[in-house]
Protein backbone atom coordinates (compact mmCIF):
# COMPACT_ATOMS: atom_id res chain seq x y z
CA MET A 1 8.55 -11.14 -28.43
CA ALA A 2 10.03 -11.53 -24.85
CA VAL A 3 8.60 -9.29 -21.97
CA LYS A 4 11.61 -7.67 -21.48
CA ASP A 5 11.81 -6.44 -25.10
CA VAL A 6 8.29 -4.94 -24.82
CA HIS A 7 9.66 -2.30 -22.45
CA GLU A 8 12.37 -1.47 -24.80
CA ILE A 9 10.20 -0.94 -27.87
CA LEU A 10 7.24 0.74 -26.06
CA GLN A 11 6.84 4.55 -26.52
CA VAL A 12 4.02 4.66 -24.01
CA ASP A 13 4.85 4.82 -20.35
CA LEU A 14 1.74 3.59 -18.63
CA ASP A 15 2.69 5.34 -15.46
CA GLU A 16 2.05 8.70 -17.24
CA PHE A 17 -1.56 7.68 -17.85
CA LEU A 18 -2.68 5.22 -15.00
CA SER A 19 -1.92 5.49 -11.23
CA ASP A 20 -1.38 2.19 -9.48
CA GLU A 21 -4.87 2.77 -8.11
CA GLU A 22 -6.40 3.37 -11.45
CA LEU A 23 -4.72 0.22 -12.77
CA ILE A 24 -6.15 -1.93 -10.04
CA LYS A 25 -9.56 -0.44 -10.82
CA LEU A 26 -9.32 -1.46 -14.50
CA LYS A 27 -8.13 -4.96 -13.59
CA ASN A 28 -10.95 -5.45 -11.21
CA GLU A 29 -13.54 -4.11 -13.78
CA LEU A 30 -12.19 -6.53 -16.33
CA LYS A 31 -12.04 -9.25 -13.88
CA PHE A 32 -15.80 -8.71 -13.28
CA ASP A 33 -16.70 -8.35 -16.97
CA GLU A 34 -14.26 -10.86 -18.58
CA ASN A 35 -14.17 -13.59 -15.93
CA CYS A 36 -10.29 -12.91 -15.45
CA THR A 37 -8.71 -15.62 -13.19
CA ASP A 38 -5.41 -16.09 -11.43
CA THR A 39 -5.48 -19.75 -12.44
CA VAL A 40 -3.59 -21.01 -15.55
CA TYR A 41 -6.14 -22.68 -18.10
CA MET A 42 -6.07 -23.73 -21.77
CA ASP A 43 -8.14 -21.37 -23.68
CA SER A 44 -10.39 -22.34 -26.65
CA GLU A 45 -7.56 -22.19 -29.15
CA LYS A 46 -5.39 -24.51 -26.85
CA HIS A 47 -2.99 -21.87 -25.37
CA LEU A 48 -2.19 -21.56 -21.69
CA THR A 49 -3.62 -18.49 -20.37
CA TYR A 50 -4.26 -16.59 -17.14
CA GLY A 51 -5.47 -13.03 -15.89
CA CYS A 52 -7.50 -11.29 -18.46
CA GLY A 53 -6.46 -13.36 -21.58
CA HIS A 54 -2.69 -13.08 -20.78
CA LEU A 55 -0.86 -15.88 -23.03
CA VAL A 56 1.57 -17.73 -20.89
CA LEU A 57 5.15 -16.86 -21.85
CA PRO A 58 7.92 -19.45 -21.33
CA GLU A 59 9.55 -17.16 -18.77
CA ASP A 60 5.97 -17.43 -16.76
CA ASN A 61 7.15 -20.89 -15.81
CA VAL A 62 3.65 -22.24 -15.12
CA LYS A 63 1.48 -25.05 -16.13
CA GLU A 64 -2.14 -25.67 -16.31
CA GLY A 65 -3.88 -25.47 -12.97
CA ASP A 66 -1.22 -23.21 -11.42
CA LYS A 67 -2.27 -20.13 -9.59
CA VAL A 68 -0.09 -17.24 -10.22
CA THR A 69 0.80 -14.66 -7.53
CA GLU A 70 -0.86 -11.22 -7.36
CA ASP A 71 2.55 -9.61 -8.14
CA MET A 72 2.89 -11.71 -11.33
CA TYR A 73 -0.54 -11.23 -12.12
CA MET A 74 -0.19 -7.49 -12.08
CA LYS A 75 3.00 -7.32 -13.70
CA ARG A 76 1.74 -9.24 -16.71
CA PHE A 77 -1.55 -7.19 -16.64
CA LYS A 78 0.47 -3.84 -16.69
CA ASP A 79 2.64 -5.38 -19.61
CA ASP A 80 -0.47 -6.32 -21.68
CA ILE A 81 -2.05 -2.82 -21.04
CA GLN A 82 0.96 -1.03 -22.09
CA VAL A 83 1.01 -3.02 -25.50
CA CYS A 84 -2.59 -2.29 -26.00
CA CYS A 85 -1.93 1.48 -25.29
CA ARG A 86 0.93 1.33 -27.91
CA HIS A 87 -1.73 0.49 -30.66
CA ILE A 88 -4.20 3.12 -29.75
């Protein structure tokens, strides 16, 4: 599923639940606990990954070893959290 489609199907608006400050706090806690990184790496299942386990999408346009910007990191982090909230 493309990221643009995620927003169309979500029934949860993350902004209603987490402020930007809370989202950054959550990211920092996960970064500490889960060894999150802004560098693209190959995970144990041979999938390109970065952040807190974000699987690289074709539109991310990155390769192994690339560093992602803070804006891209946070956008994908927020997208992934929204998907998680949808399944709660």
